[in-house]
Amino acid sequence: MNLEINEICRAVKGKLLRPGNMRSVTSVQTDSRIKASGSLFVPIRGERFDAHDFIHQAIENGASAILCEREPDKAGGLAVIQVEDTRRALGDLAAFYISTLELNKVAVTGSVGKTTTKEMLYHVLSQQAQTLKTEGNFNNDIGLPLTVFRLTEEDKFAVLEMGMSHFGEISYLSNIAKPHVGVITNVGHSHIENLGSREGILKAKLEIVDGLDADGTLILNGDDDLLFGIKGKLPCKTISFGIENSQCNLLADHIEAKEKHVAFSCDGQDYIIHTPGAHNVYNALAAITCGKLYGIEESRIKDGIEAYKPYSMRLDIQENEKAGIKVIVDCYNASPDSLRASLGVLADYRSNRTIAVLGSVAELGNHRDCLLFDIGRQIKSMGIDVLVTTTDDCFALCDGAIGAGFPEENIYNFSNNSDTNRFLDGFIRPGDVVLTKGSRIYKLEEVAQHLLEKGREEV
């Protein structure tokens, strides 16, 4: 990166309070603790702190310019640009910077599977040319701009994940990125507390079209009833993928879900995904569709799909050989849809005693108990042996299971991870397969780690 100070001023509509000694910057930072010589520091006001209070630390760590809302007391020879809102200015600057680069931009959103899809897209597009992707959870109004600032002239593809919890958020991100291709994995129930209904969630996800190129393409999950229903009603080209809907443009068949991988076919090509769960075929299909759209050879698309490896705490199957147990660590986050998918992976272990250790699902509002009740009923039909809950707000899940005929004596309720761990110490036995799943705030990885560290004689 090489952004001149006067370019930055124009892009953010800022006022140059001090010209400074440097005419340009080579990176953009919002964390004052990062050592970055020649950087532009953008302090963001948060709920619990104001990064303007740490401008001095950014200067000590090599900042060459400051983009701020109030003039710092001491800035030495640094350029100082003043704006009304640094958060908004960060987005304006990212929009300007990405517009100067020649690259293909792919934006990904959806209720479930967007991170896995983003990773698969990255591996597929990387077969063609240098590709940059969103790292971790940098998918919001701060994370996406910071991802954009990592781009260089050598990058030919950018895969940008876009998250949201309210209306307007994806529209904002899409208008920064101006993607050529948009991908919507599905419309589930995540954030239904804020958006009111699945129809509201669909409306929020479709904001990805707001910044889409005039000749851009939207890739949709055609097995999703709401997404397939909007085909032909959008001001852009759409391509659909699916498993069950024969009207989709791209279909998967011959699906075989194994313990640690999934095999399937598409357009006569065989694929293997190195992670469990048949639901991951949808994520792969999105990446395959995008690869075909960009003219990548099928053999290279196949190589990209098979290069994918799951993230930590996302359907990560680990073994405690000393205790003789397997733990499906899927604690990164949870929604009703991802919870069903994870329970399906657990249920595939037919010859073992299967134990679901579950926390609740956040951000469902008044819909929570109804959605958890339905999942509880499905637990019975899946043939899972034991249900353990770790939070006080899972009673609807248990009621649904009991109402469907799940043995009440095989349900155990606790209010925290510590009590759950103490129970599991005396309950787990060799051969068990345990799923740990819940929303991020419940930290189910504490239970997973406890199980993985236990020796057989201790358990």
Protein backbone atom coordinates (compact mmCIF):
# COMPACT_ATOMS: atom_id res chain seq x y z
CA MET A 1 0.00 0.00 0.00
CA ASN A 2 1.07 3.55 -0.72
CA LEU A 3 -1.62 6.12 0.08
CA GLU A 4 -0.74 9.77 -0.11
CA ILE A 5 -1.96 12.08 2.65
CA ASN A 6 -3.82 14.32 0.21
CA GLU A 7 -5.56 11.23 -1.28
CA ILE A 8 -6.68 10.20 2.19
CA CYS A 9 -8.06 13.67 2.88
CA ARG A 10 -10.12 13.64 -0.30
CA ALA A 11 -11.37 10.08 0.23
CA VAL A 12 -12.64 10.73 3.77
CA LYS A 13 -13.63 14.38 3.21
CA GLY A 14 -11.31 15.27 6.07
CA LYS A 15 -9.61 18.45 7.21
CA LEU A 16 -5.81 18.44 7.24
CA LEU A 17 -4.88 19.96 10.59
CA ARG A 18 -1.15 19.24 10.26
CA PRO A 19 0.71 18.22 7.07
CA GLY A 20 3.37 16.22 8.92
CA ASN A 21 6.75 15.11 7.63
CA MET A 22 5.56 12.08 5.60
CA ARG A 23 3.67 12.41 2.31
CA SER A 24 2.20 8.89 2.33
CA VAL A 25 1.39 5.85 4.50
CA THR A 26 1.99 2.16 3.86
CA SER A 27 -0.69 0.58 6.07
CA VAL A 28 -3.80 1.38 8.10
CA GLN A 29 -4.23 0.33 11.74
CA THR A 30 -6.95 0.65 14.37
CA ASP A 31 -4.98 -1.10 17.14
CA SER A 32 -2.48 1.21 18.82
CA ARG A 33 -0.53 -1.79 20.16
CA ILE A 34 0.57 -2.95 16.70
CA LYS A 35 4.07 -1.93 15.66
CA ALA A 36 3.72 -0.55 12.14
CA SER A 37 6.19 1.99 10.86
CA GLY A 38 4.70 4.37 8.31
CA SER A 39 1.10 3.55 9.19
CA LEU A 40 -2.08 5.58 9.40
CA PHE A 41 -3.69 5.16 12.83
CA VAL A 42 -7.48 5.42 12.94
CA PRO A 43 -8.80 5.55 16.53
CA ILE A 44 -12.33 4.11 16.88
CA ARG A 45 -14.72 4.99 19.67
CA GLY A 46 -16.22 1.85 21.23
CA GLU A 47 -18.77 1.17 23.96
CA ARG A 48 -16.11 0.64 26.63
CA PHE A 49 -13.17 2.69 25.39
CA ASP A 50 -12.12 5.45 23.03
CA ALA A 51 -8.97 4.68 21.04
CA HIS A 52 -8.26 8.42 20.82
CA ASP A 53 -6.88 7.95 24.34
CA PHE A 54 -4.15 5.71 22.90
CA ILE A 55 -2.88 7.87 20.06
CA HIS A 56 0.40 8.34 21.92
CA GLN A 57 0.92 4.56 21.91
CA ALA A 58 0.31 4.38 18.16
CA ILE A 59 2.89 7.12 17.63
CA GLU A 60 5.41 5.21 19.74
CA ASN A 61 4.74 2.14 17.56
CA GLY A 62 5.56 3.91 14.30
CA ALA A 63 2.44 5.69 13.06
CA SER A 64 3.14 8.40 10.49
CA ALA A 65 -0.35 9.91 10.34
CA ILE A 66 -3.48 10.13 12.48
CA LEU A 67 -7.08 10.13 11.24
CA CYS A 68 -9.09 11.35 14.21
CA GLU A 69 -12.21 13.11 15.45
CA ARG A 70 -10.38 15.41 17.88
CA GLU A 71 -6.89 16.82 17.55
CA PRO A 72 -4.34 15.05 19.75
CA ASP A 73 -2.36 17.08 22.29
CA LYS A 74 0.95 15.91 20.91
CA ALA A 75 1.48 14.63 17.38
CA GLY A 76 5.10 15.59 16.73
CA GLY A 77 5.84 15.56 13.01
CA LEU A 78 2.82 13.40 12.14
CA ALA A 79 0.11 14.34 9.67
CA VAL A 80 -3.24 14.85 11.40
CA ILE A 81 -6.53 14.55 9.48
CA GLN A 82 -9.77 15.40 11.26
CA VAL A 83 -13.16 13.83 10.44
CA GLU A 84 -16.56 13.74 12.13
CA ASP A 85 -16.69 9.95 12.47
CA THR A 86 -13.56 7.77 12.26
CA ARG A 87 -15.57 4.57 11.87
CA ARG A 88 -17.31 5.94 8.78
CA ALA A 89 -14.04 7.43 7.50
CA LEU A 90 -12.39 4.01 7.76
CA GLY A 91 -15.04 2.62 5.42
CA ASP A 92 -14.76 5.57 3.01
CA LEU A 93 -11.01 5.11 2.80
CA ALA A 94 -11.36 1.36 2.22
CA ALA A 95 -13.87 2.02 -0.58
CA PHE A 96 -11.41 4.40 -2.21
CA TYR A 97 -8.44 2.07 -1.84
CA ILE A 98 -10.15 -1.04 -3.23
CA SER A 99 -11.38 1.00 -6.21
CA THR A 100 -7.75 1.65 -7.21
CA LEU A 101 -6.96 -2.06 -7.55
CA GLU A 102 -7.59 -4.37 -10.47
CA LEU A 103 -9.02 -7.53 -8.91
CA ASN A 104 -12.11 -9.74 -8.86
CA LYS A 105 -14.13 -9.31 -5.68
CA VAL A 106 -16.37 -12.03 -4.25
CA ALA A 107 -18.62 -11.21 -1.28
CA VAL A 108 -20.07 -13.98 0.90
CA THR A 109 -22.93 -13.85 3.38
CA GLY A 110 -25.59 -16.18 4.78
CA SER A 111 -27.08 -17.38 8.04
CA VAL A 112 -24.93 -20.51 8.25
CA GLY A 113 -21.79 -21.66 6.47
CA LYS A 114 -20.44 -18.33 5.24
CA THR A 115 -17.02 -18.81 6.86
CA THR A 116 -16.63 -22.36 5.52
CA THR A 117 -17.80 -21.18 2.09
CA LYS A 118 -15.35 -18.29 2.24
CA GLU A 119 -12.52 -20.70 2.97
CA MET A 120 -13.50 -23.05 0.13
CA LEU A 121 -13.81 -20.10 -2.25
CA TYR A 122 -10.34 -18.99 -1.24
CA HIS A 123 -8.85 -22.40 -1.98
CA VAL A 124 -10.63 -22.67 -5.34
CA LEU A 125 -9.76 -19.17 -6.56
CA SER A 126 -6.18 -19.55 -5.31
CA GLN A 127 -5.78 -22.28 -7.92
CA GLN A 128 -6.13 -19.55 -10.54
CA ALA A 129 -4.29 -16.56 -9.06
CA GLN A 130 -3.13 -14.89 -5.86
CA THR A 131 -6.13 -14.48 -3.57
CA LEU A 132 -6.74 -12.65 -0.31
CA LYS A 133 -9.53 -13.64 2.10
CA THR A 134 -11.17 -12.34 5.23
CA GLU A 135 -9.35 -13.72 8.27
CA GLY A 136 -11.16 -14.83 11.41
CA ASN A 137 -14.23 -12.75 12.20
CA PHE A 138 -13.12 -9.60 10.35
CA ASN A 139 -16.48 -9.41 8.60
CA ASN A 140 -18.03 -6.23 10.02
CA ASP A 141 -17.74 -2.47 9.47
CA ILE A 142 -14.24 -2.41 10.97
CA GLY A 143 -12.97 -5.85 9.99
CA LEU A 144 -13.88 -5.62 6.31
CA PRO A 145 -12.04 -2.30 5.74
CA LEU A 146 -8.98 -3.67 7.56
CA THR A 147 -9.11 -6.72 5.26
CA VAL A 148 -9.28 -4.41 2.24
CA PHE A 149 -6.17 -2.55 3.41
CA ARG A 150 -4.23 -5.83 3.31
CA LEU A 151 -4.75 -6.08 -0.45
CA THR A 152 -1.84 -5.45 -2.80
CA GLU A 153 -1.47 -5.08 -6.56
CA GLU A 154 -0.39 -8.74 -6.72
CA ASP A 155 -3.79 -9.96 -5.51
CA LYS A 156 -6.16 -10.89 -8.32
CA PHE A 157 -9.07 -12.18 -6.20
CA ALA A 158 -10.52 -10.98 -2.90
CA VAL A 159 -12.96 -13.17 -0.94
CA LEU A 160 -14.75 -10.96 1.55
CA GLU A 161 -17.07 -12.34 4.22
CA MET A 162 -19.91 -10.04 5.27
CA GLY A 163 -21.67 -10.52 8.61
CA MET A 164 -24.58 -8.63 10.05
CA SER A 165 -27.08 -8.51 12.88
CA HIS A 166 -29.22 -5.52 11.77
CA PHE A 167 -30.64 -4.03 8.60
CA GLY A 168 -28.29 -1.79 6.63
CA GLU A 169 -25.04 -3.47 7.68
CA ILE A 170 -24.48 -5.63 4.60
CA SER A 171 -25.53 -2.76 2.33
CA TYR A 172 -22.77 -0.66 3.90
CA LEU A 173 -20.17 -3.40 3.46
CA SER A 174 -21.25 -4.18 -0.09
CA ASN A 175 -20.95 -0.55 -1.09
CA ILE A 176 -17.39 -0.50 0.24
CA ALA A 177 -16.32 -3.63 -1.62
CA LYS A 178 -18.36 -3.24 -4.84
CA PRO A 179 -18.16 -7.01 -5.49
CA HIS A 180 -18.39 -8.62 -8.92
CA VAL A 181 -19.89 -11.79 -7.42
CA GLY A 182 -22.12 -12.20 -4.39
CA VAL A 183 -22.81 -15.50 -2.60
CA ILE A 184 -25.70 -16.16 -0.19
CA THR A 185 -25.36 -19.56 1.48
CA ASN A 186 -28.86 -19.74 3.01
CA VAL A 187 -31.49 -17.87 5.02
CA GLY A 188 -31.86 -19.35 8.49
CA HIS A 189 -32.79 -17.96 11.90
CA SER A 190 -29.59 -16.21 13.05
CA HIS A 191 -30.31 -12.71 14.41
CA ILE A 192 -34.05 -13.24 14.08
CA GLU A 193 -34.37 -11.30 17.36
CA ASN A 194 -33.32 -8.14 15.50
CA LEU A 195 -34.79 -8.86 12.06
CA GLY A 196 -38.17 -10.26 13.06
CA SER A 197 -38.61 -13.17 10.65
CA ARG A 198 -36.84 -15.25 8.00
CA GLU A 199 -38.30 -12.83 5.46
CA GLY A 200 -36.59 -10.00 7.33
CA ILE A 201 -33.34 -11.97 7.33
CA LEU A 202 -33.69 -12.50 3.56
CA LYS A 203 -34.16 -8.77 3.06
CA ALA A 204 -31.01 -8.05 5.09
CA LYS A 205 -28.95 -10.66 3.20
CA LEU A 206 -30.11 -9.32 -0.16
CA GLU A 207 -28.48 -6.00 0.69
CA ILE A 208 -25.37 -7.65 -0.80
CA VAL A 209 -26.85 -6.62 -4.17
CA ASP A 210 -26.67 -2.92 -3.23
CA GLY A 211 -22.99 -2.66 -4.09
CA LEU A 212 -22.88 -5.41 -6.72
CA ASP A 213 -21.39 -4.53 -10.11
CA ALA A 214 -23.93 -3.58 -12.77
CA ASP A 215 -23.01 -6.79 -14.63
CA GLY A 216 -22.43 -8.78 -11.45
CA THR A 217 -23.72 -12.23 -10.52
CA LEU A 218 -25.45 -13.48 -7.37
CA ILE A 219 -24.88 -17.15 -6.47
CA LEU A 220 -27.75 -18.62 -4.42
CA ASN A 221 -28.61 -21.82 -2.56
CA GLY A 222 -31.50 -23.13 -4.65
CA ASP A 223 -32.62 -25.58 -1.96
CA ASP A 224 -33.42 -22.63 0.30
CA ASP A 225 -37.10 -21.83 -0.25
CA LEU A 226 -36.74 -18.08 0.23
CA LEU A 227 -33.62 -17.72 -1.90
CA PHE A 228 -34.94 -19.75 -4.82
CA GLY A 229 -38.13 -17.73 -4.66
CA ILE A 230 -36.35 -14.49 -5.54
CA LYS A 231 -34.69 -15.83 -8.71
CA GLY A 232 -35.60 -13.58 -11.62
CA LYS A 233 -36.76 -10.79 -9.31
CA LEU A 234 -33.37 -9.12 -8.82
CA PRO A 235 -31.55 -6.53 -10.95
CA CYS A 236 -28.65 -8.93 -11.54
CA LYS A 237 -27.87 -12.33 -12.97
CA THR A 238 -28.44 -15.25 -10.58
CA ILE A 239 -27.01 -18.77 -10.54
CA SER A 240 -28.33 -21.42 -8.16
CA PHE A 241 -26.81 -24.56 -6.68
CA GLY A 242 -28.47 -27.34 -4.72
CA ILE A 243 -28.93 -30.99 -3.87
CA GLU A 244 -32.69 -31.54 -3.96
CA ASN A 245 -34.07 -28.86 -6.31
CA SER A 246 -33.72 -30.13 -9.89
CA GLN A 247 -34.24 -26.60 -11.22
CA CYS A 248 -30.88 -25.45 -9.85
CA ASN A 249 -28.12 -24.61 -12.31
CA LEU A 250 -25.63 -26.85 -10.50
CA LEU A 251 -26.54 -30.03 -8.61
CA ALA A 252 -24.68 -32.45 -6.37
CA ASP A 253 -25.44 -36.15 -6.21
CA HIS A 254 -23.99 -39.45 -4.91
CA ILE A 255 -23.38 -37.86 -1.51
CA GLU A 256 -21.66 -40.06 1.07
CA ALA A 257 -21.09 -38.68 4.57
CA LYS A 258 -18.21 -40.40 6.34
CA GLU A 259 -16.71 -39.95 9.81
CA LYS A 260 -14.17 -37.31 8.78
CA HIS A 261 -15.08 -36.40 5.21
CA VAL A 262 -17.89 -36.11 2.68
CA ALA A 263 -17.76 -37.42 -0.88
CA PHE A 264 -20.07 -36.25 -3.67
CA SER A 265 -20.28 -35.71 -7.41
CA CYS A 266 -21.14 -32.64 -9.45
CA ASP A 267 -21.24 -32.33 -13.24
CA GLY A 268 -19.55 -35.72 -13.51
CA GLN A 269 -16.62 -34.70 -11.29
CA ASP A 270 -16.02 -36.46 -7.96
CA TYR A 271 -15.14 -34.35 -4.92
CA ILE A 272 -14.05 -34.97 -1.34
CA ILE A 273 -14.48 -32.42 1.47
CA HIS A 274 -12.11 -33.05 4.37
CA THR A 275 -14.61 -32.29 7.11
CA PRO A 276 -17.72 -34.19 8.30
CA GLY A 277 -21.33 -33.29 7.65
CA ALA A 278 -23.35 -33.57 4.44
CA HIS A 279 -24.42 -29.94 4.90
CA ASN A 280 -20.91 -28.94 3.83
CA VAL A 281 -21.76 -30.02 0.29
CA TYR A 282 -23.72 -26.76 -0.02
CA ASN A 283 -20.64 -24.74 0.92
CA ALA A 284 -18.57 -26.64 -1.63
CA LEU A 285 -21.20 -26.14 -4.32
CA ALA A 286 -21.07 -22.38 -3.81
CA ALA A 287 -17.30 -22.45 -4.32
CA ILE A 288 -17.57 -24.76 -7.34
CA THR A 289 -20.19 -22.49 -8.92
CA CYS A 290 -17.95 -19.47 -8.44
CA GLY A 291 -14.94 -21.33 -9.83
CA LYS A 292 -16.89 -22.29 -12.95
CA LEU A 293 -18.10 -18.71 -13.32
CA TYR A 294 -14.48 -17.57 -13.47
CA GLY A 295 -13.57 -20.29 -15.95
CA ILE A 296 -11.33 -22.32 -13.67
CA GLU A 297 -10.67 -25.86 -14.88
CA GLU A 298 -12.66 -28.59 -13.10
CA SER A 299 -9.51 -30.42 -12.01
CA ARG A 300 -8.21 -27.27 -10.34
CA ILE A 301 -11.57 -26.60 -8.69
CA LYS A 302 -11.41 -30.16 -7.34
CA ASP A 303 -7.90 -29.50 -5.98
CA GLY A 304 -9.16 -26.35 -4.28
CA ILE A 305 -12.10 -28.09 -2.59
CA GLU A 306 -9.86 -30.90 -1.37
CA ALA A 307 -7.31 -28.41 -0.01
CA TYR A 308 -9.88 -27.09 2.49
CA LYS A 309 -9.30 -27.90 6.17
CA PRO A 310 -11.79 -26.96 8.92
CA TYR A 311 -11.13 -24.08 11.29
CA SER A 312 -10.45 -24.68 14.97
CA MET A 313 -13.68 -25.22 16.97
CA ARG A 314 -15.70 -25.84 13.78
CA LEU A 315 -16.70 -29.52 13.55
CA ASP A 316 -13.18 -30.42 14.62
CA ILE A 317 -13.19 -34.12 15.57
CA GLN A 318 -10.50 -34.85 18.15
CA GLU A 319 -9.64 -38.06 19.98
CA ASN A 320 -8.59 -38.57 23.57
CA GLU A 321 -6.90 -41.93 23.12
CA LYS A 322 -6.17 -42.31 26.82
CA ALA A 323 -9.83 -41.98 27.68
CA GLY A 324 -10.98 -43.81 24.57
CA ILE A 325 -13.41 -41.07 23.50
CA LYS A 326 -14.00 -38.76 20.54
CA VAL A 327 -15.02 -35.13 20.94
CA ILE A 328 -16.68 -33.16 18.15
CA VAL A 329 -15.54 -29.63 18.97
CA ASP A 330 -18.00 -27.22 17.35
CA CYS A 331 -18.00 -24.34 19.80
CA TYR A 332 -17.20 -21.34 17.63
CA ASN A 333 -20.85 -20.30 17.52
CA ALA A 334 -24.35 -21.67 17.05
CA SER A 335 -27.62 -21.03 15.29
CA PRO A 336 -30.65 -23.33 15.05
CA ASP A 337 -29.52 -24.43 11.60
CA SER A 338 -25.89 -25.10 12.51
CA LEU A 339 -27.03 -26.92 15.67
CA ARG A 340 -29.13 -29.30 13.57
CA ALA A 341 -26.19 -29.89 11.24
CA SER A 342 -23.83 -30.65 14.13
CA LEU A 343 -26.32 -33.04 15.71
CA GLY A 344 -26.53 -34.79 12.34
CA VAL A 345 -22.77 -35.36 12.39
CA LEU A 346 -23.01 -36.79 15.92
CA ALA A 347 -25.90 -39.05 14.90
CA ASP A 348 -23.74 -40.63 12.18
CA TYR A 349 -21.82 -42.50 14.92
CA ARG A 350 -24.42 -45.26 15.08
CA SER A 351 -22.25 -47.86 16.80
CA ASN A 352 -21.15 -45.59 19.67
CA ARG A 353 -22.92 -44.03 22.62
CA THR A 354 -23.62 -40.49 21.38
CA ILE A 355 -23.77 -37.59 23.84
CA ALA A 356 -24.84 -34.07 22.90
CA VAL A 357 -23.50 -31.43 25.32
CA LEU A 358 -25.31 -28.26 24.35
CA GLY A 359 -25.50 -24.63 25.36
CA SER A 360 -28.33 -22.38 24.25
CA VAL A 361 -28.52 -20.31 21.05
CA ALA A 362 -28.32 -16.54 21.46
CA GLU A 363 -30.02 -13.70 19.55
CA LEU A 364 -33.27 -15.55 18.90
CA GLY A 365 -35.43 -13.31 21.10
CA ASN A 366 -39.02 -14.49 21.52
CA HIS A 367 -38.42 -17.17 18.86
CA ARG A 368 -35.88 -19.04 21.00
CA ASP A 369 -38.08 -21.50 22.88
CA CYS A 370 -40.09 -22.46 19.80
CA LEU A 371 -36.97 -23.08 17.72
CA LEU A 372 -35.22 -25.02 20.50
CA PHE A 373 -38.35 -27.10 21.10
CA ASP A 374 -38.34 -28.18 17.44
CA ILE A 375 -34.65 -29.09 17.63
CA GLY A 376 -35.35 -31.14 20.75
CA ARG A 377 -37.94 -33.17 18.85
CA GLN A 378 -35.37 -33.84 16.12
CA ILE A 379 -32.85 -35.10 18.68
CA LYS A 380 -35.19 -37.99 19.40
CA SER A 381 -35.58 -38.86 15.71
CA MET A 382 -31.81 -38.71 15.18
CA GLY A 383 -31.22 -41.53 17.64
CA ILE A 384 -28.82 -39.61 19.90
CA ASP A 385 -28.43 -41.38 23.24
CA VAL A 386 -27.81 -38.67 25.86
CA LEU A 387 -28.64 -34.96 26.06
CA VAL A 388 -26.70 -32.71 28.43
CA THR A 389 -27.46 -28.98 28.65
CA THR A 390 -25.07 -26.47 30.19
CA THR A 391 -27.26 -23.35 30.48
CA ASP A 392 -30.49 -22.46 32.26
CA ASP A 393 -32.24 -21.40 29.05
CA CYS A 394 -32.29 -24.81 27.35
CA PHE A 395 -35.47 -26.18 28.94
CA ALA A 396 -37.47 -25.83 25.72
CA LEU A 397 -34.89 -28.04 24.00
CA CYS A 398 -35.35 -30.71 26.66
CA ASP A 399 -39.15 -30.37 26.58
CA GLY A 400 -39.15 -30.94 22.85
CA ALA A 401 -37.03 -34.05 23.20
CA ILE A 402 -39.19 -35.48 26.00
CA GLY A 403 -42.38 -34.66 24.09
CA ALA A 404 -41.06 -36.66 21.13
CA GLY A 405 -40.36 -39.67 23.36
CA PHE A 406 -36.71 -39.13 24.32
CA PRO A 407 -36.06 -40.92 27.66
CA GLU A 408 -36.18 -38.30 30.40
CA GLU A 409 -33.64 -40.28 32.45
CA ASN A 410 -31.10 -39.65 29.66
CA ILE A 411 -31.38 -35.85 29.95
CA TYR A 412 -29.14 -33.95 32.37
CA ASN A 413 -29.44 -30.21 33.02
CA PHE A 414 -26.76 -27.91 34.42
CA SER A 415 -26.37 -24.15 34.66
CA ASN A 416 -22.66 -23.76 33.93
CA ASN A 417 -19.66 -25.50 32.40
CA SER A 418 -18.02 -26.33 35.74
CA ASP A 419 -20.97 -28.37 36.96
CA THR A 420 -21.22 -30.02 33.54
CA ASN A 421 -17.55 -31.04 33.68
CA ARG A 422 -17.94 -32.55 37.15
CA PHE A 423 -20.87 -34.63 35.93
CA LEU A 424 -19.06 -35.79 32.80
CA ASP A 425 -16.06 -36.90 34.89
CA GLY A 426 -18.11 -39.76 36.27
CA PHE A 427 -20.37 -40.33 33.29
CA ILE A 428 -18.17 -40.59 30.20
CA ARG A 429 -16.88 -44.04 29.30
CA PRO A 430 -14.61 -45.46 26.58
CA GLY A 431 -16.19 -45.52 23.13
CA ASP A 432 -18.33 -42.42 23.69
CA VAL A 433 -18.63 -39.71 21.06
CA VAL A 434 -19.40 -36.28 22.52
CA LEU A 435 -20.57 -33.17 20.68
CA THR A 436 -19.93 -29.78 22.34
CA LYS A 437 -22.02 -27.03 20.74
CA GLY A 438 -23.50 -23.69 21.78
CA SER A 439 -23.41 -19.97 21.08
CA ARG A 440 -20.04 -18.31 21.55
CA ILE A 441 -20.98 -16.62 24.83
CA TYR A 442 -21.34 -20.00 26.57
CA LYS A 443 -17.72 -21.06 25.92
CA LEU A 444 -18.42 -24.74 25.33
CA GLU A 445 -14.74 -25.15 24.43
CA GLU A 446 -14.18 -25.31 28.20
CA VAL A 447 -16.13 -28.58 28.24
CA ALA A 448 -14.40 -29.87 25.11
CA GLN A 449 -10.95 -29.14 26.51
CA HIS A 450 -11.85 -30.76 29.83
CA LEU A 451 -12.83 -33.96 28.04
CA LEU A 452 -9.73 -33.96 25.85
CA GLU A 453 -7.40 -33.55 28.82
CA LYS A 454 -8.87 -36.35 30.90
CA GLY A 455 -7.16 -39.72 31.21
CA ARG A 456 -9.29 -42.88 31.13
CA GLU A 457 -8.59 -43.61 34.76
CA GLU A 458 -9.73 -40.10 35.68
CA VAL A 459 -12.89 -40.26 33.60
